[in-house]
C-alpha atoms as a PDB file:
ATOM      1  CA  MET A   1       0.000   0.000   0.000  1.00  0.00           C
ATOM      2  CA  ALA A   2       1.166   3.566  -0.674  1.00  0.00           C
ATOM      3  CA  LEU A   3       2.178   5.649   2.342  1.00  0.00           C
ATOM      4  CA  LYS A   4       2.518   9.415   2.596  1.00  0.00           C
ATOM      5  CA  THR A   5       6.236   9.261   3.375  1.00  0.00           C
ATOM      6  CA  THR A   6       9.185   6.905   3.751  1.00  0.00           C
ATOM      7  CA  VAL A   7       8.953   4.739   6.887  1.00  0.00           C
ATOM      8  CA  LEU A   8      11.832   3.157   8.817  1.00  0.00           C
ATOM      9  CA  VAL A   9      11.022   0.788  11.690  1.00  0.00           C
ATOM     10  CA  ASN A  10      13.975   0.112  13.999  1.00  0.00           C
ATOM     11  CA  GLY A  11      14.578  -2.527  16.643  1.00  0.00           C
ATOM     12  CA  ILE A  12      12.801  -5.416  14.926  1.00  0.00           C
ATOM     13  CA  ASN A  13      13.453  -8.605  16.886  1.00  0.00           C
ATOM     14  CA  ASN A  14      10.521 -10.865  16.103  1.00  0.00           C
ATOM     15  CA  LEU A  15       8.639 -12.229  13.118  1.00  0.00           C
ATOM     16  CA  SER A  16       5.323 -10.669  14.196  1.00  0.00           C
ATOM     17  CA  ASP A  17       6.704  -7.125  13.905  1.00  0.00           C
ATOM     18  CA  ALA A  18       8.539  -7.910  10.674  1.00  0.00           C
ATOM     19  CA  ARG A  19       5.510  -9.337   8.880  1.00  0.00           C
ATOM     20  CA  TYR A  20       3.213  -6.596  10.177  1.00  0.00           C
ATOM     21  CA  CYS A  21       5.497  -3.737   9.116  1.00  0.00           C
ATOM     22  CA  ALA A  22       6.173  -5.268   5.715  1.00  0.00           C
ATOM     23  CA  GLY A  23       2.460  -5.812   5.168  1.00  0.00           C
ATOM     24  CA  MET A  24       1.666  -2.215   6.116  1.00  0.00           C
ATOM     25  CA  GLY A  25       4.118  -0.856   3.551  1.00  0.00           C
ATOM     26  CA  ALA A  26       7.169   0.150   5.600  1.00  0.00           C
ATOM     27  CA  ASP A  27      10.170   0.888   3.381  1.00  0.00           C
ATOM     28  CA  LEU A  28      13.039   0.019   5.719  1.00  0.00           C
ATOM     29  CA  MET A  29      13.297  -2.450   8.573  1.00  0.00           C
ATOM     30  CA  GLY A  30      16.128  -2.174  11.118  1.00  0.00           C
ATOM     31  CA  PHE A  31      17.686  -4.947  13.216  1.00  0.00           C
ATOM     32  CA  ASN A  32      20.324  -4.429  15.916  1.00  0.00           C
ATOM     33  CA  LEU A  33      23.152  -6.756  14.908  1.00  0.00           C
ATOM     34  CA  ASP A  34      25.841  -5.366  17.216  1.00  0.00           C
ATOM     35  CA  ALA A  35      26.992  -8.054  19.648  1.00  0.00           C
ATOM     36  CA  SER A  36      27.884  -5.348  22.191  1.00  0.00           C
ATOM     37  CA  HIS A  37      24.227  -4.329  22.489  1.00  0.00           C
ATOM     38  CA  ALA A  38      22.053  -6.135  25.038  1.00  0.00           C
ATOM     39  CA  ASP A  39      19.105  -6.321  22.657  1.00  0.00           C
ATOM     40  CA  HIS A  40      20.948  -7.465  19.530  1.00  0.00           C
ATOM     41  CA  ILE A  41      19.747 -10.433  17.513  1.00  0.00           C
ATOM     42  CA  THR A  42      21.922 -13.176  16.090  1.00  0.00           C
ATOM     43  CA  GLU A  43      22.579 -13.723  12.399  1.00  0.00           C
ATOM     44  CA  ALA A  44      20.549 -16.930  12.622  1.00  0.00           C
ATOM     45  CA  ALA A  45      17.562 -15.069  14.092  1.00  0.00           C
ATOM     46  CA  PHE A  46      17.895 -12.350  11.449  1.00  0.00           C
ATOM     47  CA  LYS A  47      17.836 -14.928   8.643  1.00  0.00           C
ATOM     48  CA  GLU A  48      14.867 -16.721  10.177  1.00  0.00           C
ATOM     49  CA  ILE A  49      12.837 -13.511  10.493  1.00  0.00           C
ATOM     50  CA  THR A  50      13.717 -11.955   7.148  1.00  0.00           C
ATOM     51  CA  GLY A  51      13.145 -15.217   5.305  1.00  0.00           C
ATOM     52  CA  TRP A  52       9.414 -14.621   5.791  1.00  0.00           C
ATOM     53  CA  VAL A  53       9.243 -11.072   4.429  1.00  0.00           C
ATOM     54  CA  SER A  54       9.906  -9.496   1.044  1.00  0.00           C
ATOM     55  CA  GLY A  55       9.744  -6.124  -0.677  1.00  0.00           C
ATOM     56  CA  ILE A  56      11.391  -4.233   2.165  1.00  0.00           C
ATOM     57  CA  GLN A  57      14.942  -2.924   2.554  1.00  0.00           C
ATOM     58  CA  LEU A  58      16.983  -4.369   5.416  1.00  0.00           C
ATOM     59  CA  VAL A  59      19.001  -2.173   7.769  1.00  0.00           C
ATOM     60  CA  GLY A  60      21.692  -3.397  10.144  1.00  0.00           C
ATOM     61  CA  GLU A  61      21.985  -1.258  13.282  1.00  0.00           C
ATOM     62  CA  PHE A  62      25.380  -0.933  14.987  1.00  0.00           C
ATOM     63  CA  ASP A  63      26.665   0.831  18.105  1.00  0.00           C
ATOM     64  CA  GLU A  64      30.252  -0.232  18.770  1.00  0.00           C
ATOM     65  CA  ALA A  65      31.177  -2.744  16.051  1.00  0.00           C
ATOM     66  CA  SER A  66      34.307  -2.247  13.988  1.00  0.00           C
ATOM     67  CA  VAL A  67      34.077  -1.431  10.297  1.00  0.00           C
ATOM     68  CA  THR A  68      35.394  -4.928   9.525  1.00  0.00           C
ATOM     69  CA  GLU A  69      32.609  -6.521  11.589  1.00  0.00           C
ATOM     70  CA  ILE A  70      30.003  -4.274   9.964  1.00  0.00           C
ATOM     71  CA  ASN A  71      31.135  -5.146   6.446  1.00  0.00           C
ATOM     72  CA  GLU A  72      31.213  -8.864   7.256  1.00  0.00           C
ATOM     73  CA  LYS A  73      27.645  -8.815   8.538  1.00  0.00           C
ATOM     74  CA  ALA A  74      26.518  -6.642   5.630  1.00  0.00           C
ATOM     75  CA  PHE A  75      27.902  -9.222   3.213  1.00  0.00           C
ATOM     76  CA  ASN A  76      26.720 -12.322   5.098  1.00  0.00           C
ATOM     77  CA  LEU A  77      23.188 -10.979   5.579  1.00  0.00           C
ATOM     78  CA  ASN A  78      22.835  -9.071   2.290  1.00  0.00           C
ATOM     79  CA  LEU A  79      21.952  -5.828   4.076  1.00  0.00           C
ATOM     80  CA  ASP A  80      20.746  -2.821   2.089  1.00  0.00           C
ATOM     81  CA  PHE A  81      21.796  -0.138   4.606  1.00  0.00           C
ATOM     82  CA  ILE A  82      23.919   0.292   7.710  1.00  0.00           C
ATOM     83  CA  GLN A  83      22.576   2.444  10.556  1.00  0.00           C
ATOM     84  CA  LEU A  84      25.177   3.833  12.942  1.00  0.00           C
ATOM     85  CA  ASN A  85      23.589   4.522  16.313  1.00  0.00           C
ATOM     86  CA  LYS A  86      26.700   6.359  17.479  1.00  0.00           C
ATOM     87  CA  THR A  87      28.811   8.832  15.554  1.00  0.00           C
ATOM     88  CA  TYR A  88      31.635   7.078  13.738  1.00  0.00           C
ATOM     89  CA  LEU A  89      34.604   8.900  12.242  1.00  0.00           C
ATOM     90  CA  ILE A  90      34.183   9.973   8.628  1.00  0.00           C
ATOM     91  CA  ASP A  91      37.209   7.887   7.605  1.00  0.00           C
ATOM     92  CA  GLU A  92      35.472   4.844   9.114  1.00  0.00           C
ATOM     93  CA  ILE A  93      32.192   5.594   7.360  1.00  0.00           C
ATOM     94  CA  ARG A  94      33.979   5.793   4.011  1.00  0.00           C
ATOM     95  CA  LYS A  95      35.163   2.200   4.494  1.00  0.00           C
ATOM     96  CA  ILE A  96      31.656   0.843   5.072  1.00  0.00           C
ATOM     97  CA  GLU A  97      30.537  -0.977   1.948  1.00  0.00           C
ATOM     98  CA  LYS A  98      26.818  -0.169   2.176  1.00  0.00           C
ATOM     99  CA  PRO A  99      24.938   3.156   2.302  1.00  0.00           C
ATOM    100  CA  VAL A 100      24.981   4.591   5.825  1.00  0.00           C
ATOM    101  CA  ILE A 101      22.212   6.155   7.890  1.00  0.00           C
ATOM    102  CA  GLN A 102      23.767   8.170  10.725  1.00  0.00           C
ATOM    103  CA  LYS A 103      21.706   8.501  13.896  1.00  0.00           C
ATOM    104  CA  VAL A 104      21.941  11.964  15.445  1.00  0.00           C
ATOM    105  CA  PHE A 105      20.712  12.858  18.935  1.00  0.00           C
ATOM    106  CA  ILE A 106      19.284  16.246  19.784  1.00  0.00           C
ATOM    107  CA  ASN A 107      18.132  17.626  23.107  1.00  0.00           C
ATOM    108  CA  LYS A 108      17.036  20.864  24.736  1.00  0.00           C
ATOM    109  CA  ASP A 109      20.638  22.085  24.846  1.00  0.00           C
ATOM    110  CA  THR A 110      21.360  21.442  21.174  1.00  0.00           C
ATOM    111  CA  ILE A 111      22.830  24.505  19.477  1.00  0.00           C
ATOM    112  CA  GLU A 112      21.556  24.725  15.921  1.00  0.00           C
ATOM    113  CA  THR A 113      24.776  26.096  14.440  1.00  0.00           C
ATOM    114  CA  GLU A 114      26.795  23.233  15.923  1.00  0.00           C
ATOM    115  CA  LEU A 115      24.245  20.661  14.736  1.00  0.00           C
ATOM    116  CA  VAL A 116      24.254  22.060  11.199  1.00  0.00           C
ATOM    117  CA  GLU A 117      28.051  22.108  11.220  1.00  0.00           C
ATOM    118  CA  MET A 118      28.089  18.393  12.090  1.00  0.00           C
ATOM    119  CA  LEU A 119      25.445  17.494   9.484  1.00  0.00           C
ATOM    120  CA  GLU A 120      27.275  19.497   6.842  1.00  0.00           C
ATOM    121  CA  LEU A 121      30.497  17.684   7.659  1.00  0.00           C
ATOM    122  CA  TYR A 122      28.910  14.245   7.330  1.00  0.00           C
ATOM    123  CA  HIS A 123      26.159  14.594   4.744  1.00  0.00           C
ATOM    124  CA  SER A 124      28.228  13.835   1.638  1.00  0.00           C
ATOM    125  CA  ASP A 125      29.412  10.534   3.165  1.00  0.00           C
ATOM    126  CA  VAL A 126      26.086   9.219   4.426  1.00  0.00           C
ATOM    127  CA  ASN A 127      22.753   8.396   2.846  1.00  0.00           C
ATOM    128  CA  GLY A 128      20.800  10.372   5.448  1.00  0.00           C
ATOM    129  CA  PHE A 129      20.300  11.194   9.112  1.00  0.00           C
ATOM    130  CA  LEU A 130      17.941   9.636  11.649  1.00  0.00           C
ATOM    131  CA  ILE A 131      17.130  12.391  14.163  1.00  0.00           C
ATOM    132  CA  TYR A 132      16.379  11.093  17.648  1.00  0.00           C
ATOM    133  CA  SER A 133      15.807  12.596  21.089  1.00  0.00           C
ATOM    134  CA  THR A 134      15.307  11.432  24.646  1.00  0.00           C
ATOM    135  CA  ASP A 135      14.584  14.973  25.881  1.00  0.00           C
ATOM    136  CA  PHE A 136      11.691  15.716  23.557  1.00  0.00           C
ATOM    137  CA  THR A 137       8.672  13.438  23.798  1.00  0.00           C
ATOM    138  CA  THR A 138       6.695  15.105  21.037  1.00  0.00           C
ATOM    139  CA  ILE A 139       7.132  17.519  18.147  1.00  0.00           C
ATOM    140  CA  ASP A 140       5.587  20.952  18.444  1.00  0.00           C
ATOM    141  CA  ASP A 141       6.458  24.629  18.109  1.00  0.00           C
ATOM    142  CA  THR A 142       9.395  24.269  20.535  1.00  0.00           C
ATOM    143  CA  ASN A 143      11.433  22.081  18.201  1.00  0.00           C
ATOM    144  CA  CYS A 144       9.639  22.317  14.869  1.00  0.00           C
ATOM    145  CA  ARG A 145      11.718  25.201  13.526  1.00  0.00           C
ATOM    146  CA  LEU A 146      15.009  23.401  14.193  1.00  0.00           C
ATOM    147  CA  LEU A 147      13.760  20.227  12.529  1.00  0.00           C
ATOM    148  CA  ARG A 148      12.322  22.147   9.580  1.00  0.00           C
ATOM    149  CA  ASP A 149      15.600  23.983   9.057  1.00  0.00           C
ATOM    150  CA  ILE A 150      17.701  20.826   8.925  1.00  0.00           C
ATOM    151  CA  ALA A 151      15.106  18.885   6.892  1.00  0.00           C
ATOM    152  CA  ASN A 152      15.256  21.661   4.279  1.00  0.00           C
ATOM    153  CA  ARG A 153      19.007  21.127   3.915  1.00  0.00           C
ATOM    154  CA  TYR A 154      19.535  17.407   4.459  1.00  0.00           C
ATOM    155  CA  LYS A 155      17.910  14.006   4.020  1.00  0.00           C
ATOM    156  CA  VAL A 156      16.316  13.607   7.445  1.00  0.00           C
ATOM    157  CA  ILE A 157      14.194  10.893   9.033  1.00  0.00           C
ATOM    158  CA  ILE A 158      12.360  12.042  12.166  1.00  0.00           C
ATOM    159  CA  GLY A 159      12.727   9.254  14.718  1.00  0.00           C
ATOM    160  CA  PHE A 160      11.008  10.642  17.805  1.00  0.00           C
ATOM    161  CA  GLY A 161       7.759  12.267  18.851  1.00  0.00           C
ATOM    162  CA  VAL A 162       5.744  10.917  15.920  1.00  0.00           C
ATOM    163  CA  GLU A 163       2.112  10.334  16.853  1.00  0.00           C
ATOM    164  CA  LYS A 164      -1.141   9.991  14.975  1.00  0.00           C
ATOM    165  CA  SER A 165      -2.230  13.393  16.304  1.00  0.00           C
ATOM    166  CA  ASN A 166       0.784  15.304  14.973  1.00  0.00           C
ATOM    167  CA  LEU A 167       1.672  13.283  11.884  1.00  0.00           C
ATOM    168  CA  ASP A 168       0.157  15.688   9.357  1.00  0.00           C
ATOM    169  CA  TYR A 169       1.771  18.613  11.199  1.00  0.00           C
ATOM    170  CA  ILE A 170       5.181  16.925  10.907  1.00  0.00           C
ATOM    171  CA  LEU A 171       4.783  16.113   7.229  1.00  0.00           C
ATOM    172  CA  GLU A 172       3.467  19.557   6.297  1.00  0.00           C
ATOM    173  CA  GLU A 173       5.553  21.809   8.560  1.00  0.00           C
ATOM    174  CA  ILE A 174       8.852  19.921   8.626  1.00  0.00           C
ATOM    175  CA  ASN A 175       8.603  17.933   5.372  1.00  0.00           C
ATOM    176  CA  PRO A 176      11.215  15.308   6.318  1.00  0.00           C
ATOM    177  CA  PHE A 177      12.424  12.590   3.969  1.00  0.00           C
ATOM    178  CA  GLY A 178      10.668  10.101   6.256  1.00  0.00           C
ATOM    179  CA  ILE A 179       9.682   9.076   9.763  1.00  0.00           C
ATOM    180  CA  GLY A 180      11.105   6.455  12.083  1.00  0.00           C
ATOM    181  CA  MET A 181       9.241   4.149  14.435  1.00  0.00           C
ATOM    182  CA  GLN A 182      10.323   1.491  16.908  1.00  0.00           C
ATOM    183  CA  GLY A 183       9.469  -2.198  17.097  1.00  0.00           C
ATOM    184  CA  SER A 184       8.887  -3.919  20.434  1.00  0.00           C
ATOM    185  CA  ASP A 185       9.074  -7.319  22.103  1.00  0.00           C
ATOM    186  CA  GLU A 186       6.413  -9.968  21.735  1.00  0.00           C
ATOM    187  CA  ILE A 187       4.251 -10.632  24.788  1.00  0.00           C
ATOM    188  CA  ARG A 188       5.079 -14.278  24.172  1.00  0.00           C
ATOM    189  CA  PRO A 189       6.121 -16.070  20.964  1.00  0.00           C
ATOM    190  CA  GLY A 190       3.502 -15.354  18.313  1.00  0.00           C
ATOM    191  CA  LEU A 191       1.491 -12.941  20.488  1.00  0.00           C
ATOM    192  CA  LYS A 192       1.922  -9.240  19.802  1.00  0.00           C
ATOM    193  CA  THR A 193      -0.068  -6.011  19.915  1.00  0.00           C
ATOM    194  CA  PHE A 194       0.456  -3.281  17.335  1.00  0.00           C
ATOM    195  CA  ASP A 195      -1.624  -0.456  18.799  1.00  0.00           C
ATOM    196  CA  GLU A 196       0.946   2.356  18.485  1.00  0.00           C
ATOM    197  CA  LEU A 197       2.289   1.268  15.103  1.00  0.00           C
ATOM    198  CA  GLU A 198      -1.201   0.654  13.780  1.00  0.00           C
ATOM    199  CA  GLU A 199      -2.397   4.185  14.563  1.00  0.00           C
ATOM    200  CA  ILE A 200       0.497   5.759  12.679  1.00  0.00           C
ATOM    201  CA  PHE A 201       0.389   3.370   9.727  1.00  0.00           C
ATOM    202  CA  GLU A 202      -3.326   4.007   9.289  1.00  0.00           C
ATOM    203  CA  ALA A 203      -2.721   7.765   9.369  1.00  0.00           C
ATOM    204  CA  LEU A 204       0.016   7.356   6.750  1.00  0.00           C
ATOM    205  CA  GLU A 205      -2.177   5.658   4.184  1.00  0.00           C
ATOM    206  CA  GLU A 206      -2.743   7.794   1.093  1.00  0.00           C
END
């Protein structure tokens, strides 16, 4: 089904989420494959989950892994993108053999000029930026201008504060390349609720 914007869903760790997101038309599906992360999934689990879905681009998420480890997993698992959840050096990014999505954190103390300076430095070596925050729980007039300014200059996915109630506001006022959502654990194997994802996916339908 056609959606109003590009959708990335991170933190997929079960088949229920994977099949649901693929069926709802998500464009990119992220899996934490970094062995240093407590919630990472194994290569075997990744292959088992992704073997049941098609028509969606696969993203490997990494926090601490070396470039060699990232490239090995990208090759072994036929990943489409690499998402770096921490800021790697530009020289390291240039050695990664798949397009890179760089995750960028903002908070209430973020200085716009410094943020733009960082994005400008990195943007020619990455495929885009996933903007995330733990300070801001929603998107409104307090942070909209900052997000609009950087979305006008760079390929930005908004990865926080996206709700059914403000989705149209985000798409119209900020006009990002896409939005990011987060998967969650199953209640037990095969049992899962999709309330939060469902609301947003339904609002995204053309």
